[in-house]
Amino acid sequence: VGRDPPRAIMRRPGRIFGDQNPPDVLNWTY
């Protein structure tokens, strides 16, 4: 992320968004 268009144009780093239900306690997102 943050590669197209390049950061010089975006003027911010790329971001990763997501949604989920509350996870199991063994899940990596927890």
PDB file of all heavy atoms in Angstrom:
ATOM      1  N   VAL A   1       0.843  -1.199   0.000  1.00  0.00           N
ATOM      2  CA  VAL A   1       0.000   0.000   0.000  1.00  0.00           C
ATOM      3  C   VAL A   1       0.877   1.248   0.000  1.00  0.00           C
ATOM      4  O   VAL A   1       2.059   1.214   0.345  1.00  0.00           O
ATOM      5  CB  VAL A   1      -0.945   0.011   1.224  1.00  0.00           C
ATOM      6  CG1 VAL A   1      -1.908  -1.159   1.166  1.00  0.00           C
ATOM      7  CG2 VAL A   1      -0.156  -0.007   2.530  1.00  0.00           C
ATOM      8  N   GLY A   2       0.263   2.359  -0.414  1.00  0.00           N
ATOM      9  CA  GLY A   2       0.998   3.620  -0.486  1.00  0.00           C
ATOM     10  C   GLY A   2       1.964   3.693  -1.652  1.00  0.00           C
ATOM     11  O   GLY A   2       2.906   4.488  -1.637  1.00  0.00           O
ATOM     12  N   ARG A   3       1.728   2.905  -2.701  1.00  0.00           N
ATOM     13  CA  ARG A   3       2.668   2.819  -3.818  1.00  0.00           C
ATOM     14  C   ARG A   3       2.109   3.372  -5.126  1.00  0.00           C
ATOM     15  O   ARG A   3       2.859   3.742  -6.019  1.00  0.00           O
ATOM     16  CB  ARG A   3       3.089   1.352  -4.015  1.00  0.00           C
ATOM     17  CG  ARG A   3       3.809   0.763  -2.813  1.00  0.00           C
ATOM     18  CD  ARG A   3       4.020  -0.731  -2.979  1.00  0.00           C
ATOM     19  NE  ARG A   3       4.963  -1.027  -4.045  1.00  0.00           N
ATOM     20  CZ  ARG A   3       6.240  -1.343  -3.856  1.00  0.00           C
ATOM     21  NH1 ARG A   3       6.741  -1.374  -2.626  1.00  0.00           N
ATOM     22  NH2 ARG A   3       7.030  -1.625  -4.879  1.00  0.00           N
ATOM     23  N   ASP A   4       0.780   3.399  -5.283  1.00  0.00           N
ATOM     24  CA  ASP A   4       0.193   3.860  -6.544  1.00  0.00           C
ATOM     25  C   ASP A   4      -1.099   4.634  -6.247  1.00  0.00           C
ATOM     26  O   ASP A   4      -2.098   4.029  -5.842  1.00  0.00           O
ATOM     27  CB  ASP A   4      -0.109   2.670  -7.456  1.00  0.00           C
ATOM     28  CG  ASP A   4      -0.637   3.110  -8.814  1.00  0.00           C
ATOM     29  OD1 ASP A   4      -0.375   4.271  -9.185  1.00  0.00           O
ATOM     30  OD2 ASP A   4      -1.294   2.291  -9.485  1.00  0.00           O
ATOM     31  N   PRO A   5      -1.124   5.944  -6.404  1.00  0.00           N
ATOM     32  CA  PRO A   5       0.000   6.788  -6.823  1.00  0.00           C
ATOM     33  C   PRO A   5       1.067   6.871  -5.730  1.00  0.00           C
ATOM     34  O   PRO A   5       0.786   6.552  -4.567  1.00  0.00           O
ATOM     35  CB  PRO A   5      -0.655   8.149  -7.072  1.00  0.00           C
ATOM     36  CG  PRO A   5      -1.850   8.148  -6.181  1.00  0.00           C
ATOM     37  CD  PRO A   5      -2.350   6.740  -6.172  1.00  0.00           C
ATOM     38  N   PRO A   6       2.256   7.308  -6.071  1.00  0.00           N
ATOM     39  CA  PRO A   6       3.342   7.349  -5.084  1.00  0.00           C
ATOM     40  C   PRO A   6       3.041   8.318  -3.954  1.00  0.00           C
ATOM     41  O   PRO A   6       2.178   9.206  -4.061  1.00  0.00           O
ATOM     42  CB  PRO A   6       4.550   7.787  -5.908  1.00  0.00           C
ATOM     43  CG  PRO A   6       3.982   8.469  -7.096  1.00  0.00           C
ATOM     44  CD  PRO A   6       2.697   7.770  -7.399  1.00  0.00           C
ATOM     45  N   ARG A   7       3.793   8.184  -2.883  1.00  0.00           N
ATOM     46  CA  ARG A   7       3.529   8.981  -1.684  1.00  0.00           C
ATOM     47  C   ARG A   7       3.724  10.476  -1.941  1.00  0.00           C
ATOM     48  O   ARG A   7       3.090  11.304  -1.289  1.00  0.00           O
ATOM     49  CB  ARG A   7       4.442   8.515  -0.553  1.00  0.00           C
ATOM     50  CG  ARG A   7       4.126   9.158   0.788  1.00  0.00           C
ATOM     51  CD  ARG A   7       4.799   8.443   1.914  1.00  0.00           C
ATOM     52  NE  ARG A   7       4.503   9.044   3.201  1.00  0.00           N
ATOM     53  CZ  ARG A   7       4.891   8.536   4.355  1.00  0.00           C
ATOM     54  NH1 ARG A   7       5.589   7.405   4.379  1.00  0.00           N
ATOM     55  NH2 ARG A   7       4.596   9.148   5.486  1.00  0.00           N
ATOM     56  N   ALA A   8       4.583  10.828  -2.902  1.00  0.00           N
ATOM     57  CA  ALA A   8       4.787  12.244  -3.216  1.00  0.00           C
ATOM     58  C   ALA A   8       3.502  12.896  -3.678  1.00  0.00           C
ATOM     59  O   ALA A   8       3.291  14.092  -3.484  1.00  0.00           O
ATOM     60  CB  ALA A   8       5.873  12.381  -4.281  1.00  0.00           C
ATOM     61  N   ILE A   9       2.637  12.111  -4.308  1.00  0.00           N
ATOM     62  CA  ILE A   9       1.348  12.636  -4.772  1.00  0.00           C
ATOM     63  C   ILE A   9       0.287  12.485  -3.683  1.00  0.00           C
ATOM     64  O   ILE A   9      -0.498  13.393  -3.429  1.00  0.00           O
ATOM     65  CB  ILE A   9       0.916  11.917  -6.064  1.00  0.00           C
ATOM     66  CG1 ILE A   9       1.930  12.204  -7.188  1.00  0.00           C
ATOM     67  CG2 ILE A   9      -0.492  12.318  -6.469  1.00  0.00           C
ATOM     68  CD1 ILE A   9       1.627  11.485  -8.470  1.00  0.00           C
ATOM     69  N   MET A  10       0.278  11.312  -3.018  1.00  0.00           N
ATOM     70  CA  MET A  10      -0.738  11.074  -1.986  1.00  0.00           C
ATOM     71  C   MET A  10      -0.509  11.946  -0.750  1.00  0.00           C
ATOM     72  O   MET A  10      -1.458  12.322  -0.061  1.00  0.00           O
ATOM     73  CB  MET A  10      -0.718   9.604  -1.568  1.00  0.00           C
ATOM     74  CG  MET A  10      -1.203   8.633  -2.630  1.00  0.00           C
ATOM     75  SD  MET A  10      -1.122   6.930  -2.036  1.00  0.00           S
ATOM     76  CE  MET A  10      -2.256   6.979  -0.676  1.00  0.00           C
ATOM     77  N   ARG A  11       0.760  12.200  -0.449  1.00  0.00           N
ATOM     78  CA  ARG A  11       1.143  12.986   0.720  1.00  0.00           C
ATOM     79  C   ARG A  11       0.697  12.346   2.033  1.00  0.00           C
ATOM     80  O   ARG A  11       0.411  13.029   3.010  1.00  0.00           O
ATOM     81  CB  ARG A  11       0.598  14.414   0.610  1.00  0.00           C
ATOM     82  CG  ARG A  11       1.152  15.185  -0.584  1.00  0.00           C
ATOM     83  CD  ARG A  11       0.663  16.614  -0.584  1.00  0.00           C
ATOM     84  NE  ARG A  11       1.188  17.322  -1.763  1.00  0.00           N
ATOM     85  CZ  ARG A  11       0.933  18.606  -2.031  1.00  0.00           C
ATOM     86  NH1 ARG A  11       0.164  19.313  -1.198  1.00  0.00           N
ATOM     87  NH2 ARG A  11       1.428  19.178  -3.106  1.00  0.00           N
ATOM     88  N   ARG A  12       0.630  11.060   2.026  1.00  0.00           N
ATOM     89  CA  ARG A  12       0.341  10.285   3.239  1.00  0.00           C
ATOM     90  C   ARG A  12       0.735   8.832   2.981  1.00  0.00           C
ATOM     91  O   ARG A  12       0.808   8.390   1.837  1.00  0.00           O
ATOM     92  CB  ARG A  12      -1.133  10.365   3.612  1.00  0.00           C
ATOM     93  CG  ARG A  12      -2.081   9.688   2.624  1.00  0.00           C
ATOM     94  CD  ARG A  12      -3.460   9.498   3.239  1.00  0.00           C
ATOM     95  NE  ARG A  12      -4.439   8.948   2.327  1.00  0.00           N
ATOM     96  CZ  ARG A  12      -4.555   7.647   2.061  1.00  0.00           C
ATOM     97  NH1 ARG A  12      -3.734   6.771   2.612  1.00  0.00           N
ATOM     98  NH2 ARG A  12      -5.491   7.221   1.216  1.00  0.00           N
ATOM     99  N   PRO A  13       0.993   8.068   4.032  1.00  0.00           N
ATOM    100  CA  PRO A  13       1.275   6.648   3.829  1.00  0.00           C
ATOM    101  C   PRO A  13       0.022   5.879   3.448  1.00  0.00           C
ATOM    102  O   PRO A  13      -1.105   6.349   3.670  1.00  0.00           O
ATOM    103  CB  PRO A  13       1.809   6.202   5.189  1.00  0.00           C
ATOM    104  CG  PRO A  13       1.174   7.143   6.167  1.00  0.00           C
ATOM    105  CD  PRO A  13       1.077   8.456   5.450  1.00  0.00           C
ATOM    106  N   GLY A  14       0.196   4.719   2.872  1.00  0.00           N
ATOM    107  CA  GLY A  14      -0.948   3.858   2.579  1.00  0.00           C
ATOM    108  C   GLY A  14      -1.533   3.290   3.863  1.00  0.00           C
ATOM    109  O   GLY A  14      -0.854   3.197   4.894  1.00  0.00           O
ATOM    110  N   ARG A  15      -2.778   2.904   3.786  1.00  0.00           N
ATOM    111  CA  ARG A  15      -3.454   2.374   4.973  1.00  0.00           C
ATOM    112  C   ARG A  15      -4.181   1.072   4.639  1.00  0.00           C
ATOM    113  O   ARG A  15      -4.571   0.836   3.500  1.00  0.00           O
ATOM    114  CB  ARG A  15      -4.458   3.395   5.512  1.00  0.00           C
ATOM    115  CG  ARG A  15      -3.811   4.686   6.017  1.00  0.00           C
ATOM    116  CD  ARG A  15      -4.832   5.558   6.729  1.00  0.00           C
ATOM    117  NE  ARG A  15      -4.202   6.754   7.298  1.00  0.00           N
ATOM    118  CZ  ARG A  15      -4.208   7.949   6.716  1.00  0.00           C
ATOM    119  NH1 ARG A  15      -4.824   8.103   5.546  1.00  0.00           N
ATOM    120  NH2 ARG A  15      -3.626   8.978   7.285  1.00  0.00           N
ATOM    121  N   ILE A  16      -4.344   0.259   5.661  1.00  0.00           N
ATOM    122  CA  ILE A  16      -5.106  -0.989   5.541  1.00  0.00           C
ATOM    123  C   ILE A  16      -6.304  -0.882   6.473  1.00  0.00           C
ATOM    124  O   ILE A  16      -6.149  -0.650   7.671  1.00  0.00           O
ATOM    125  CB  ILE A  16      -4.257  -2.211   5.904  1.00  0.00           C
ATOM    126  CG1 ILE A  16      -3.030  -2.294   4.982  1.00  0.00           C
ATOM    127  CG2 ILE A  16      -5.086  -3.489   5.800  1.00  0.00           C
ATOM    128  CD1 ILE A  16      -2.083  -3.425   5.345  1.00  0.00           C
ATOM    129  N   PHE A  17      -7.487  -1.014   5.919  1.00  0.00           N
ATOM    130  CA  PHE A  17      -8.726  -0.966   6.688  1.00  0.00           C
ATOM    131  C   PHE A  17      -9.326  -2.376   6.741  1.00  0.00           C
ATOM    132  O   PHE A  17      -8.944  -3.254   5.970  1.00  0.00           O
ATOM    133  CB  PHE A  17      -9.738  -0.016   6.043  1.00  0.00           C
ATOM    134  CG  PHE A  17      -9.224   1.394   5.870  1.00  0.00           C
ATOM    135  CD1 PHE A  17      -8.529   1.760   4.720  1.00  0.00           C
ATOM    136  CD2 PHE A  17      -9.433   2.340   6.845  1.00  0.00           C
ATOM    137  CE1 PHE A  17      -8.061   3.051   4.538  1.00  0.00           C
ATOM    138  CE2 PHE A  17      -8.961   3.639   6.690  1.00  0.00           C
ATOM    139  CZ  PHE A  17      -8.274   3.997   5.535  1.00  0.00           C
ATOM    140  N   GLY A  18     -10.271  -2.576   7.608  1.00  0.00           N
ATOM    141  CA  GLY A  18     -10.928  -3.878   7.666  1.00  0.00           C
ATOM    142  C   GLY A  18     -12.134  -3.846   8.566  1.00  0.00           C
ATOM    143  O   GLY A  18     -12.328  -2.915   9.351  1.00  0.00           O
ATOM    144  N   ASP A  19     -12.964  -4.859   8.458  1.00  0.00           N
ATOM    145  CA  ASP A  19     -14.110  -5.019   9.357  1.00  0.00           C
ATOM    146  C   ASP A  19     -14.146  -6.459   9.834  1.00  0.00           C
ATOM    147  O   ASP A  19     -13.566  -7.355   9.205  1.00  0.00           O
ATOM    148  CB  ASP A  19     -15.423  -4.657   8.643  1.00  0.00           C
ATOM    149  CG  ASP A  19     -15.706  -5.556   7.455  1.00  0.00           C
ATOM    150  OD1 ASP A  19     -16.000  -6.749   7.668  1.00  0.00           O
ATOM    151  OD2 ASP A  19     -15.619  -5.078   6.305  1.00  0.00           O
ATOM    152  N   GLN A  20     -14.796  -6.698  10.936  1.00  0.00           N
ATOM    153  CA  GLN A  20     -14.907  -8.054  11.468  1.00  0.00           C
ATOM    154  C   GLN A  20     -15.898  -8.087  12.609  1.00  0.00           C
ATOM    155  O   GLN A  20     -16.216  -7.053  13.213  1.00  0.00           O
ATOM    156  CB  GLN A  20     -13.556  -8.551  11.985  1.00  0.00           C
ATOM    157  CG  GLN A  20     -13.038  -7.743  13.183  1.00  0.00           C
ATOM    158  CD  GLN A  20     -11.729  -8.272  13.721  1.00  0.00           C
ATOM    159  OE1 GLN A  20     -10.703  -7.634  13.600  1.00  0.00           O
ATOM    160  NE2 GLN A  20     -11.779  -9.445  14.325  1.00  0.00           N
ATOM    161  N   ASN A  21     -16.386  -9.286  12.901  1.00  0.00           N
ATOM    162  CA  ASN A  21     -17.122  -9.524  14.118  1.00  0.00           C
ATOM    163  C   ASN A  21     -16.108  -9.691  15.250  1.00  0.00           C
ATOM    164  O   ASN A  21     -14.921  -9.912  14.991  1.00  0.00           O
ATOM    165  CB  ASN A  21     -17.983 -10.784  13.997  1.00  0.00           C
ATOM    166  CG  ASN A  21     -19.171 -10.570  13.084  1.00  0.00           C
ATOM    167  OD1 ASN A  21     -19.899  -9.599  13.222  1.00  0.00           O
ATOM    168  ND2 ASN A  21     -19.367 -11.474  12.124  1.00  0.00           N
ATOM    169  N   PRO A  22     -16.537  -9.597  16.504  1.00  0.00           N
ATOM    170  CA  PRO A  22     -15.587  -9.828  17.599  1.00  0.00           C
ATOM    171  C   PRO A  22     -14.919 -11.185  17.430  1.00  0.00           C
ATOM    172  O   PRO A  22     -15.593 -12.196  17.211  1.00  0.00           O
ATOM    173  CB  PRO A  22     -16.478  -9.786  18.849  1.00  0.00           C
ATOM    174  CG  PRO A  22     -17.633  -8.933  18.446  1.00  0.00           C
ATOM    175  CD  PRO A  22     -17.875  -9.246  17.005  1.00  0.00           C
ATOM    176  N   PRO A  23     -13.597 -11.230  17.517  1.00  0.00           N
ATOM    177  CA  PRO A  23     -12.891 -12.466  17.190  1.00  0.00           C
ATOM    178  C   PRO A  23     -12.815 -13.454  18.342  1.00  0.00           C
ATOM    179  O   PRO A  23     -13.085 -13.136  19.498  1.00  0.00           O
ATOM    180  CB  PRO A  23     -11.490 -11.956  16.841  1.00  0.00           C
ATOM    181  CG  PRO A  23     -11.319 -10.779  17.753  1.00  0.00           C
ATOM    182  CD  PRO A  23     -12.683 -10.129  17.819  1.00  0.00           C
ATOM    183  N   ASP A  24     -12.425 -14.642  18.003  1.00  0.00           N
ATOM    184  CA  ASP A  24     -12.039 -15.670  18.960  1.00  0.00           C
ATOM    185  C   ASP A  24     -10.712 -15.243  19.590  1.00  0.00           C
ATOM    186  O   ASP A  24      -9.890 -14.594  18.953  1.00  0.00           O
ATOM    187  CB  ASP A  24     -11.893 -16.997  18.214  1.00  0.00           C
ATOM    188  CG  ASP A  24     -11.531 -18.143  19.122  1.00  0.00           C
ATOM    189  OD1 ASP A  24     -10.350 -18.230  19.494  1.00  0.00           O
ATOM    190  OD2 ASP A  24     -12.402 -18.947  19.441  1.00  0.00           O
ATOM    191  N   VAL A  25     -10.479 -15.620  20.837  1.00  0.00           N
ATOM    192  CA  VAL A  25      -9.273 -15.158  21.527  1.00  0.00           C
ATOM    193  C   VAL A  25      -7.996 -15.757  20.971  1.00  0.00           C
ATOM    194  O   VAL A  25      -6.898 -15.295  21.297  1.00  0.00           O
ATOM    195  CB  VAL A  25      -9.354 -15.447  23.045  1.00  0.00           C
ATOM    196  CG1 VAL A  25     -10.485 -14.682  23.677  1.00  0.00           C
ATOM    197  CG2 VAL A  25      -9.474 -16.937  23.307  1.00  0.00           C
ATOM    198  N   LEU A  26      -8.101 -16.777  20.138  1.00  0.00           N
ATOM    199  CA  LEU A  26      -6.907 -17.353  19.525  1.00  0.00           C
ATOM    200  C   LEU A  26      -6.602 -16.724  18.176  1.00  0.00           C
ATOM    201  O   LEU A  26      -5.569 -17.020  17.569  1.00  0.00           O
ATOM    202  CB  LEU A  26      -7.073 -18.872  19.356  1.00  0.00           C
ATOM    203  CG  LEU A  26      -7.250 -19.676  20.637  1.00  0.00           C
ATOM    204  CD1 LEU A  26      -7.317 -21.166  20.319  1.00  0.00           C
ATOM    205  CD2 LEU A  26      -6.131 -19.387  21.619  1.00  0.00           C
ATOM    206  N   ASN A  27      -7.488 -15.859  17.716  1.00  0.00           N
ATOM    207  CA  ASN A  27      -7.295 -15.240  16.416  1.00  0.00           C
ATOM    208  C   ASN A  27      -6.211 -14.176  16.493  1.00  0.00           C
ATOM    209  O   ASN A  27      -6.074 -13.473  17.495  1.00  0.00           O
ATOM    210  CB  ASN A  27      -8.614 -14.615  15.951  1.00  0.00           C
ATOM    211  CG  ASN A  27      -8.579 -14.196  14.498  1.00  0.00           C
ATOM    212  OD1 ASN A  27      -8.157 -13.098  14.164  1.00  0.00           O
ATOM    213  ND2 ASN A  27      -9.022 -15.088  13.619  1.00  0.00           N
ATOM    214  N   TRP A  28      -5.454 -14.021  15.408  1.00  0.00           N
ATOM    215  CA  TRP A  28      -4.352 -13.059  15.411  1.00  0.00           C
ATOM    216  C   TRP A  28      -4.834 -11.624  15.562  1.00  0.00           C
ATOM    217  O   TRP A  28      -4.117 -10.767  16.089  1.00  0.00           O
ATOM    218  CB  TRP A  28      -3.512 -13.214  14.147  1.00  0.00           C
ATOM    219  CG  TRP A  28      -4.228 -12.912  12.850  1.00  0.00           C
ATOM    220  CD1 TRP A  28      -4.980 -13.760  12.103  1.00  0.00           C
ATOM    221  CD2 TRP A  28      -4.238 -11.646  12.167  1.00  0.00           C
ATOM    222  NE1 TRP A  28      -5.475 -13.116  10.998  1.00  0.00           N
ATOM    223  CE2 TRP A  28      -5.021 -11.818  10.998  1.00  0.00           C
ATOM    224  CE3 TRP A  28      -3.671 -10.409  12.413  1.00  0.00           C
ATOM    225  CZ2 TRP A  28      -5.252 -10.791  10.094  1.00  0.00           C
ATOM    226  CZ3 TRP A  28      -3.889  -9.378  11.506  1.00  0.00           C
ATOM    227  CH2 TRP A  28      -4.669  -9.578  10.358  1.00  0.00           C
ATOM    228  N   THR A  29      -6.051 -11.334  15.131  1.00  0.00           N
ATOM    229  CA  THR A  29      -6.561  -9.962  15.291  1.00  0.00           C
ATOM    230  C   THR A  29      -6.845  -9.650  16.756  1.00  0.00           C
ATOM    231  O   THR A  29      -6.708  -8.497  17.187  1.00  0.00           O
ATOM    232  CB  THR A  29      -7.834  -9.749  14.459  1.00  0.00           C
ATOM    233  OG1 THR A  29      -8.866 -10.630  14.917  1.00  0.00           O
ATOM    234  CG2 THR A  29      -7.575  -9.993  12.987  1.00  0.00           C
ATOM    235  N   TYR A  30      -7.243 -10.644  17.535  1.00  0.00           N
ATOM    236  CA  TYR A  30      -7.435 -10.418  18.968  1.00  0.00           C
ATOM    237  C   TYR A  30      -6.101 -10.091  19.629  1.00  0.00           C
ATOM    238  O   TYR A  30      -6.001  -9.175  20.454  1.00  0.00           O
ATOM    239  CB  TYR A  30      -8.052 -11.663  19.615  1.00  0.00           C
ATOM    240  CG  TYR A  30      -8.150 -11.565  21.126  1.00  0.00           C
ATOM    241  CD1 TYR A  30      -9.141 -10.801  21.731  1.00  0.00           C
ATOM    242  CD2 TYR A  30      -7.239 -12.224  21.942  1.00  0.00           C
ATOM    243  CE1 TYR A  30      -9.227 -10.690  23.110  1.00  0.00           C
ATOM    244  CE2 TYR A  30      -7.307 -12.124  23.322  1.00  0.00           C
ATOM    245  CZ  TYR A  30      -8.303 -11.357  23.902  1.00  0.00           C
ATOM    246  OH  TYR A  30      -8.370 -11.247  25.258  1.00  0.00           O
TER     247      TYR A  30
END
